C-alpha atoms as a PDB file:
ATOM      1  CA  MET A   1     -22.797   6.529 -17.170  1.00  0.00           C
ATOM      2  CA  LYS A   2     -20.011   4.267 -15.858  1.00  0.00           C
ATOM      3  CA  ASP A   3     -18.389   4.113 -19.305  1.00  0.00           C
ATOM      4  CA  GLU A   4     -18.455   7.914 -19.365  1.00  0.00           C
ATOM      5  CA  LEU A   5     -16.626   7.977 -16.035  1.00  0.00           C
ATOM      6  CA  VAL A   6     -13.915   5.688 -17.380  1.00  0.00           C
ATOM      7  CA  GLU A   7     -13.584   7.877 -20.490  1.00  0.00           C
ATOM      8  CA  GLN A   8     -13.378  10.972 -18.291  1.00  0.00           C
ATOM      9  CA  TYR A   9     -10.832   9.685 -15.748  1.00  0.00           C
ATOM     10  CA  ALA A  10      -8.640   7.177 -17.611  1.00  0.00           C
ATOM     11  CA  PRO A  11      -6.719   9.744 -19.711  1.00  0.00           C
ATOM     12  CA  ARG A  12      -6.004  11.898 -16.655  1.00  0.00           C
ATOM     13  CA  LEU A  13      -4.816   8.876 -14.683  1.00  0.00           C
ATOM     14  CA  ARG A  14      -2.647   7.579 -17.543  1.00  0.00           C
ATOM     15  CA  GLU A  15      -1.015  11.020 -17.788  1.00  0.00           C
ATOM     16  CA  LEU A  16      -0.045  10.974 -14.087  1.00  0.00           C
ATOM     17  CA  LEU A  17       1.002   7.333 -13.961  1.00  0.00           C
ATOM     18  CA  PRO A  18       4.617   7.496 -15.241  1.00  0.00           C
ATOM     19  CA  LEU A  19       5.621  10.048 -12.611  1.00  0.00           C
ATOM     20  CA  ALA A  20       3.405   8.614  -9.853  1.00  0.00           C
ATOM     21  CA  ARG A  21       5.064   5.200 -10.264  1.00  0.00           C
ATOM     22  CA  LYS A  22       8.388   6.748  -9.286  1.00  0.00           C
ATOM     23  CA  ALA A  23       7.173   7.856  -5.838  1.00  0.00           C
ATOM     24  CA  TYR A  24       8.957   5.767  -3.222  1.00  0.00           C
ATOM     25  CA  GLY A  25       8.986   6.111   0.531  1.00  0.00           C
ATOM     26  CA  SER A  26       6.567   7.928   2.778  1.00  0.00           C
ATOM     27  CA  ARG A  27       3.487   9.472   1.209  1.00  0.00           C
ATOM     28  CA  SER A  28       4.308  12.677   3.094  1.00  0.00           C
ATOM     29  CA  THR A  29       7.482  13.228   1.013  1.00  0.00           C
ATOM     30  CA  LEU A  30       7.460  16.423  -1.021  1.00  0.00           C
ATOM     31  CA  SER A  31       8.538  15.758  -4.606  1.00  0.00           C
ATOM     32  CA  PRO A  32       7.028  15.962  -8.093  1.00  0.00           C
ATOM     33  CA  GLN A  33       6.689  12.168  -8.052  1.00  0.00           C
ATOM     34  CA  HIS A  34       4.808  12.168  -4.743  1.00  0.00           C
ATOM     35  CA  ASP A  35       2.631  15.081  -5.888  1.00  0.00           C
ATOM     36  CA  ALA A  36       1.682  13.057  -8.985  1.00  0.00           C
ATOM     37  CA  SER A  37       1.015   9.995  -6.825  1.00  0.00           C
ATOM     38  CA  ARG A  38      -1.236  11.968  -4.460  1.00  0.00           C
ATOM     39  CA  GLU A  39      -3.150  13.451  -7.419  1.00  0.00           C
ATOM     40  CA  TYR A  40      -3.486   9.988  -8.984  1.00  0.00           C
ATOM     41  CA  THR A  41      -4.927   8.621  -5.741  1.00  0.00           C
ATOM     42  CA  SER A  42      -7.217  11.624  -5.364  1.00  0.00           C
ATOM     43  CA  LEU A  43      -8.612  11.080  -8.861  1.00  0.00           C
ATOM     44  CA  LEU A  44      -9.180   7.384  -8.150  1.00  0.00           C
ATOM     45  CA  VAL A  45     -11.068   8.220  -4.951  1.00  0.00           C
ATOM     46  CA  GLU A  46     -13.156  10.827  -6.778  1.00  0.00           C
ATOM     47  CA  TYR A  47     -13.896   8.392  -9.606  1.00  0.00           C
ATOM     48  CA  TYR A  48     -14.920   5.661  -7.157  1.00  0.00           C
ATOM     49  CA  SER A  49     -17.093   8.024  -5.113  1.00  0.00           C
ATOM     50  CA  LYS A  50     -19.056   8.771  -8.291  1.00  0.00           C
ATOM     51  CA  GLY A  51     -19.828   5.066  -8.673  1.00  0.00           C
ATOM     52  CA  GLY A  52     -16.995   4.109 -10.986  1.00  0.00           C
ATOM     53  CA  SER A  53     -15.808   0.501 -11.182  1.00  0.00           C
ATOM     54  CA  LEU A  54     -12.262  -0.033  -9.920  1.00  0.00           C
ATOM     55  CA  ILE A  55     -11.920  -3.069 -12.175  1.00  0.00           C
ATOM     56  CA  ALA A  56     -12.932  -1.038 -15.231  1.00  0.00           C
ATOM     57  CA  ILE A  57     -10.575   1.857 -14.480  1.00  0.00           C
ATOM     58  CA  ALA A  58      -7.673  -0.505 -13.727  1.00  0.00           C
ATOM     59  CA  GLU A  59      -8.162  -2.192 -17.099  1.00  0.00           C
ATOM     60  CA  ALA A  60      -8.493   1.132 -18.915  1.00  0.00           C
ATOM     61  CA  VAL A  61      -5.342   2.566 -17.329  1.00  0.00           C
ATOM     62  CA  GLY A  62      -3.367  -0.665 -17.611  1.00  0.00           C
ATOM     63  CA  VAL A  63      -2.666  -1.213 -13.917  1.00  0.00           C
ATOM     64  CA  THR A  64      -3.621  -3.912 -11.437  1.00  0.00           C
ATOM     65  CA  TYR A  65      -6.965  -3.875  -9.694  1.00  0.00           C
ATOM     66  CA  ALA A  66      -5.208  -4.656  -6.391  1.00  0.00           C
ATOM     67  CA  GLY A  67      -3.065  -1.525  -6.646  1.00  0.00           C
ATOM     68  CA  VAL A  68      -6.057   0.671  -7.469  1.00  0.00           C
ATOM     69  CA  ARG A  69      -8.088  -0.852  -4.637  1.00  0.00           C
ATOM     70  CA  ARG A  70      -5.219  -0.361  -2.171  1.00  0.00           C
ATOM     71  CA  ARG A  71      -4.930   3.319  -3.101  1.00  0.00           C
ATOM     72  CA  VAL A  72      -8.659   3.924  -2.693  1.00  0.00           C
ATOM     73  CA  THR A  73      -9.029   2.029   0.593  1.00  0.00           C
ATOM     74  CA  THR A  74      -5.964   3.572   2.237  1.00  0.00           C
ATOM     75  CA  ALA A  75      -6.317   7.112   0.876  1.00  0.00           C
ATOM     76  CA  GLY A  76      -7.643   8.445   4.179  1.00  0.00           C
ATOM     77  CA  LEU A  77      -4.819   7.080   6.304  1.00  0.00           C
ATOM     78  CA  ILE A  78      -2.298   9.544   7.649  1.00  0.00           C
ATOM     79  CA  PRO A  79       1.101   8.886   6.040  1.00  0.00           C
ATOM     80  CA  SER A  80       3.586   7.194   8.328  1.00  0.00           C
ATOM     81  CA  SER A  81       6.438   9.264   9.632  1.00  0.00           C
ATOM     82  CA  LYS A  82       9.882   8.745   8.254  1.00  0.00           C
ATOM     83  CA  ARG A  83      11.400   5.692   9.855  1.00  0.00           C
ATOM     84  CA  LEU A  84      14.915   5.183  11.082  1.00  0.00           C
ATOM     85  CA  ARG A  85      16.918   2.297   9.719  1.00  0.00           C
ATOM     86  CA  SER A  86      16.028  -0.999  11.324  1.00  0.00           C
ATOM     87  CA  LYS A  87      18.510  -2.100  13.931  1.00  0.00           C
ATOM     88  CA  ALA A  88      17.053  -5.604  14.003  1.00  0.00           C
ATOM     89  CA  THR A  89      19.589  -8.417  13.953  1.00  0.00           C
ATOM     90  CA  GLU A  90      19.182 -11.509  11.790  1.00  0.00           C
ATOM     91  CA  GLN A  91      17.909 -13.295  14.901  1.00  0.00           C
ATOM     92  CA  ASP A  92      15.364 -10.503  15.535  1.00  0.00           C
ATOM     93  CA  VAL A  93      14.112 -10.852  11.960  1.00  0.00           C
ATOM     94  CA  SER A  94      13.985 -14.639  12.268  1.00  0.00           C
ATOM     95  CA  ASP A  95      11.999 -14.392  15.519  1.00  0.00           C
ATOM     96  CA  ALA A  96       9.642 -11.829  13.974  1.00  0.00           C
ATOM     97  CA  VAL A  97       9.036 -14.055  10.946  1.00  0.00           C
ATOM     98  CA  ALA A  98       8.232 -17.015  13.221  1.00  0.00           C
ATOM     99  CA  ARG A  99       5.663 -14.902  15.125  1.00  0.00           C
ATOM    100  CA  ILE A 100       4.185 -13.621  11.855  1.00  0.00           C
ATOM    101  CA  LYS A 101       3.880 -17.135  10.400  1.00  0.00           C
ATOM    102  CA  PHE A 102       2.193 -18.328  13.585  1.00  0.00           C
ATOM    103  CA  ALA A 103      -0.260 -15.425  13.456  1.00  0.00           C
ATOM    104  CA  LYS A 104      -0.978 -16.080   9.773  1.00  0.00           C
ATOM    105  CA  ASN A 105      -2.116 -19.587  10.689  1.00  0.00           C
ATOM    106  CA  GLN A 106      -4.562 -18.090  13.218  1.00  0.00           C
ATOM    107  CA  SER A 107      -6.409 -15.564  11.027  1.00  0.00           C
ATOM    108  CA  ILE A 108      -5.856 -12.784   8.526  1.00  0.00           C
ATOM    109  CA  THR A 109      -6.580 -10.215  11.241  1.00  0.00           C
ATOM    110  CA  GLU A 110      -3.946 -11.759  13.543  1.00  0.00           C
ATOM    111  CA  TYR A 111      -1.494 -11.836  10.627  1.00  0.00           C
ATOM    112  CA  HIS A 112      -1.950  -8.147   9.837  1.00  0.00           C
ATOM    113  CA  GLU A 113      -1.715  -7.243  13.514  1.00  0.00           C
ATOM    114  CA  ALA A 114       1.514  -9.262  13.854  1.00  0.00           C
ATOM    115  CA  LEU A 115       2.962  -7.395  10.869  1.00  0.00           C
ATOM    116  CA  ARG A 116       2.036  -4.077  12.469  1.00  0.00           C
ATOM    117  CA  ARG A 117       3.529  -5.081  15.832  1.00  0.00           C
ATOM    118  CA  GLU A 118       6.826  -6.212  14.349  1.00  0.00           C
ATOM    119  CA  TYR A 119       7.111  -3.134  12.162  1.00  0.00           C
ATOM    120  CA  GLU A 120       5.840  -0.362  14.417  1.00  0.00           C
ATOM    121  CA  ASP A 121       6.448  -1.684  17.929  1.00  0.00           C
ATOM    122  CA  ASN A 122       9.587  -3.784  17.415  1.00  0.00           C
ATOM    123  CA  GLY A 123      11.143  -1.766  14.578  1.00  0.00           C
ATOM    124  CA  VAL A 124      11.769  -4.706  12.270  1.00  0.00           C
ATOM    125  CA  SER A 125      12.040  -3.717   8.613  1.00  0.00           C
ATOM    126  CA  LEU A 126       9.193  -5.010   6.463  1.00  0.00           C
ATOM    127  CA  THR A 127      11.670  -5.341   3.608  1.00  0.00           C
ATOM    128  CA  LYS A 128      13.769  -7.725   5.713  1.00  0.00           C
ATOM    129  CA  ILE A 129      10.639  -9.618   6.731  1.00  0.00           C
ATOM    130  CA  ALA A 130       9.506  -9.860   3.097  1.00  0.00           C
ATOM    131  CA  LYS A 131      12.903 -11.191   2.063  1.00  0.00           C
ATOM    132  CA  ALA A 132      12.827 -13.782   4.868  1.00  0.00           C
ATOM    133  CA  LEU A 133       9.314 -14.827   3.787  1.00  0.00           C
ATOM    134  CA  GLY A 134      10.496 -15.236   0.186  1.00  0.00           C
ATOM    135  CA  LEU A 135       8.432 -12.320  -1.131  1.00  0.00           C
ATOM    136  CA  SER A 136       9.753 -10.199  -3.993  1.00  0.00           C
ATOM    137  CA  SER A 137       8.362  -6.997  -2.460  1.00  0.00           C
ATOM    138  CA  ALA A 138       7.351  -5.623   0.935  1.00  0.00           C
ATOM    139  CA  ASN A 139       4.323  -3.835  -0.568  1.00  0.00           C
ATOM    140  CA  PRO A 140       1.792  -6.500   0.497  1.00  0.00           C
ATOM    141  CA  LEU A 141       3.167  -6.301   4.040  1.00  0.00           C
ATOM    142  CA  TYR A 142       2.777  -2.516   4.141  1.00  0.00           C
ATOM    143  CA  TYR A 143      -0.790  -3.024   2.962  1.00  0.00           C
ATOM    144  CA  GLY A 144      -1.352  -5.518   5.798  1.00  0.00           C
ATOM    145  CA  VAL A 145      -0.105  -2.942   8.299  1.00  0.00           C
ATOM    146  CA  ALA A 146      -2.397  -0.326   6.742  1.00  0.00           C
ATOM    147  CA  ARG A 147      -5.363  -2.713   7.052  1.00  0.00           C
ATOM    148  CA  THR A 148      -4.927  -2.768  10.854  1.00  0.00           C
ATOM    149  CA  LYS A 149      -5.245   1.011  10.865  1.00  0.00           C
ATOM    150  CA  LEU A 150      -8.378   0.924   8.713  1.00  0.00           C
ATOM    151  CA  THR A 151     -10.197  -1.264  11.217  1.00  0.00           C
ATOM    152  CA  LYS A 152      -9.399   0.924  14.221  1.00  0.00           C
END
């Protein structure tokens, strides 16, 4: 049964993937790329709700398990509104990074909450934070922020 699900969903997901990968910015953006991304996520959620293995579908489609899991777990979250450019100074970013590092040493929950606070409450760009932390992408930080919303 599970192999049948992979055979049923993998081709549809592979077809959407090239366009869905080009969707950047808020999930509420209206564009062909974002439409493909929303459909891709919807199919993953449907597949998973039928008992499909996220590991198996990730392998079949040729994407990472972490990306598939993130899409499924955050699918129900309301997309964030469009954000204004961060007005945080280098010192603001440095202070935010220090608070985030401290929180990370406390617990994963504190870390995610610190990310959310700096991003949503203090308006510090997660891209600037990622760069200061030596990360190549802010995606894991956005996921951390989303995790705080999943637990509320």
